[in-house]
Amino acid sequence: MFSIFNRNNNKETIWAEDLDDMLDDIHLIDIREGYELLSGKVKTAQHIPMGNLLSTPERYLNQDEKYYIMCQSGMRSMRTVKALQEKGYNVVNVKGGMAAYKGRNRI
């Protein structure tokens, strides 16, 4: 009844603040543009700009793996996740993005 209050009611979404405990075990992809990385990034994230990832996902992703997609606010990553899921990829949106991430792995 009150599922809107459940933080993880969508299996395709996690919160940025929950990343730190997972970083050693996940494939994290930062889809922001290069200039956006100047404001900080998660040190274990692989940088693949959104346009590159969406135009040739087979170059970067394996359909047998799970990937966590992060942008600045979570909006571009949400759209990217939807598009990649439609192509058969196992991807998860990082809600809140770098704007919400204040973890110990920010550089």
Protein backbone atom coordinates (compact mmCIF):
# COMPACT_ATOMS: atom_id res chain seq x y z
CA MET A 1 0.00 0.00 0.00
CA PHE A 2 2.78 2.46 0.85
CA SER A 3 5.34 1.23 -1.67
CA ILE A 4 6.07 4.80 -2.78
CA PHE A 5 7.91 5.22 0.51
CA ASN A 6 10.10 2.17 -0.01
CA ARG A 7 13.55 3.37 -1.09
CA ASN A 8 14.23 0.33 -3.25
CA ASN A 9 10.81 -0.39 -4.68
CA ASN A 10 12.31 -0.52 -8.18
CA LYS A 11 14.93 -3.17 -8.85
CA GLU A 12 16.34 -1.05 -11.67
CA THR A 13 17.23 1.80 -9.29
CA ILE A 14 19.56 2.29 -6.35
CA TRP A 15 20.34 5.46 -4.46
CA ALA A 16 23.71 7.17 -4.94
CA GLU A 17 24.29 7.23 -1.19
CA ASP A 18 24.18 3.41 -1.15
CA LEU A 19 27.08 3.00 -3.59
CA ASP A 20 30.04 2.87 -1.20
CA ASP A 21 29.21 -0.54 0.23
CA MET A 22 28.81 -1.98 -3.27
CA LEU A 23 31.69 -0.49 -5.26
CA ASP A 24 34.04 -3.46 -5.00
CA ASP A 25 31.37 -5.76 -6.43
CA ILE A 26 29.73 -3.81 -9.26
CA HIS A 27 30.42 -2.38 -12.70
CA LEU A 28 29.75 1.36 -12.34
CA ILE A 29 29.59 3.47 -15.49
CA ASP A 30 29.62 7.28 -15.39
CA ILE A 31 27.87 8.56 -18.54
CA ARG A 32 28.55 12.26 -18.02
CA GLU A 33 30.51 14.31 -20.52
CA GLY A 34 34.23 14.70 -19.93
CA TYR A 35 34.01 18.28 -18.69
CA GLU A 36 31.52 17.19 -16.01
CA LEU A 37 34.13 14.93 -14.44
CA LEU A 38 36.02 18.04 -13.30
CA SER A 39 33.46 18.45 -10.51
CA GLY A 40 34.33 15.01 -9.14
CA LYS A 41 33.76 11.36 -9.84
CA VAL A 42 33.59 7.98 -8.15
CA LYS A 43 37.11 6.56 -8.31
CA THR A 44 36.04 3.08 -9.46
CA ALA A 45 33.64 4.29 -12.16
CA GLN A 46 34.37 3.69 -15.82
CA HIS A 47 33.71 6.79 -17.91
CA ILE A 48 31.67 6.21 -21.07
CA PRO A 49 29.78 9.27 -22.35
CA MET A 50 26.06 8.63 -22.80
CA GLY A 51 26.11 9.12 -26.57
CA ASN A 52 28.88 6.58 -27.02
CA LEU A 53 27.21 4.04 -24.76
CA LEU A 54 23.83 4.35 -26.46
CA SER A 55 25.16 4.29 -30.01
CA THR A 56 27.36 1.20 -29.57
CA PRO A 57 26.50 -0.58 -26.31
CA GLU A 58 27.91 -3.87 -27.60
CA ARG A 59 31.34 -2.22 -27.60
CA TYR A 60 31.18 -1.59 -23.85
CA LEU A 61 28.67 -3.98 -22.30
CA ASN A 62 28.19 -7.72 -22.02
CA GLN A 63 24.58 -8.85 -21.82
CA ASP A 64 25.55 -11.43 -19.17
CA GLU A 65 26.79 -8.76 -16.73
CA LYS A 66 24.99 -6.18 -14.58
CA TYR A 67 25.96 -2.51 -14.85
CA TYR A 68 25.12 0.50 -12.72
CA ILE A 69 24.67 3.71 -14.70
CA MET A 70 25.38 7.12 -13.14
CA CYS A 71 25.11 10.70 -14.41
CA GLN A 72 24.97 14.09 -12.67
CA SER A 73 21.41 13.96 -11.30
CA GLY A 74 19.98 10.59 -12.26
CA MET A 75 17.83 11.81 -15.15
CA ARG A 76 20.13 10.93 -18.07
CA SER A 77 21.02 7.65 -16.43
CA MET A 78 17.32 6.84 -16.05
CA ARG A 79 16.74 7.39 -19.79
CA THR A 80 19.90 5.47 -20.64
CA VAL A 81 18.88 2.54 -18.45
CA LYS A 82 15.49 2.36 -20.14
CA ALA A 83 17.04 2.38 -23.62
CA LEU A 84 19.63 -0.25 -22.72
CA GLN A 85 17.05 -2.50 -21.06
CA GLU A 86 15.04 -2.40 -24.28
CA LYS A 87 18.16 -3.75 -26.03
CA GLY A 88 18.47 -6.60 -23.53
CA TYR A 89 21.12 -5.23 -21.14
CA ASN A 90 20.99 -5.69 -17.37
CA VAL A 91 21.41 -2.13 -16.11
CA VAL A 92 20.50 -0.24 -12.94
CA ASN A 93 19.98 3.50 -12.54
CA VAL A 94 21.91 5.30 -9.79
CA LYS A 95 19.27 7.73 -8.54
CA GLY A 96 20.51 11.15 -7.54
CA GLY A 97 23.77 10.75 -9.47
CA MET A 98 26.94 12.60 -8.58
CA ALA A 99 24.92 15.50 -7.19
CA ALA A 100 23.72 13.18 -4.40
CA TYR A 101 26.87 11.12 -3.97
CA LYS A 102 28.88 12.27 -0.95
CA GLY A 103 30.63 8.98 -0.30
CA ARG A 104 34.20 8.20 0.67
CA ASN A 105 35.14 7.15 -2.89
CA ARG A 106 34.57 10.56 -4.47
CA ILE A 107 37.65 12.05 -6.07
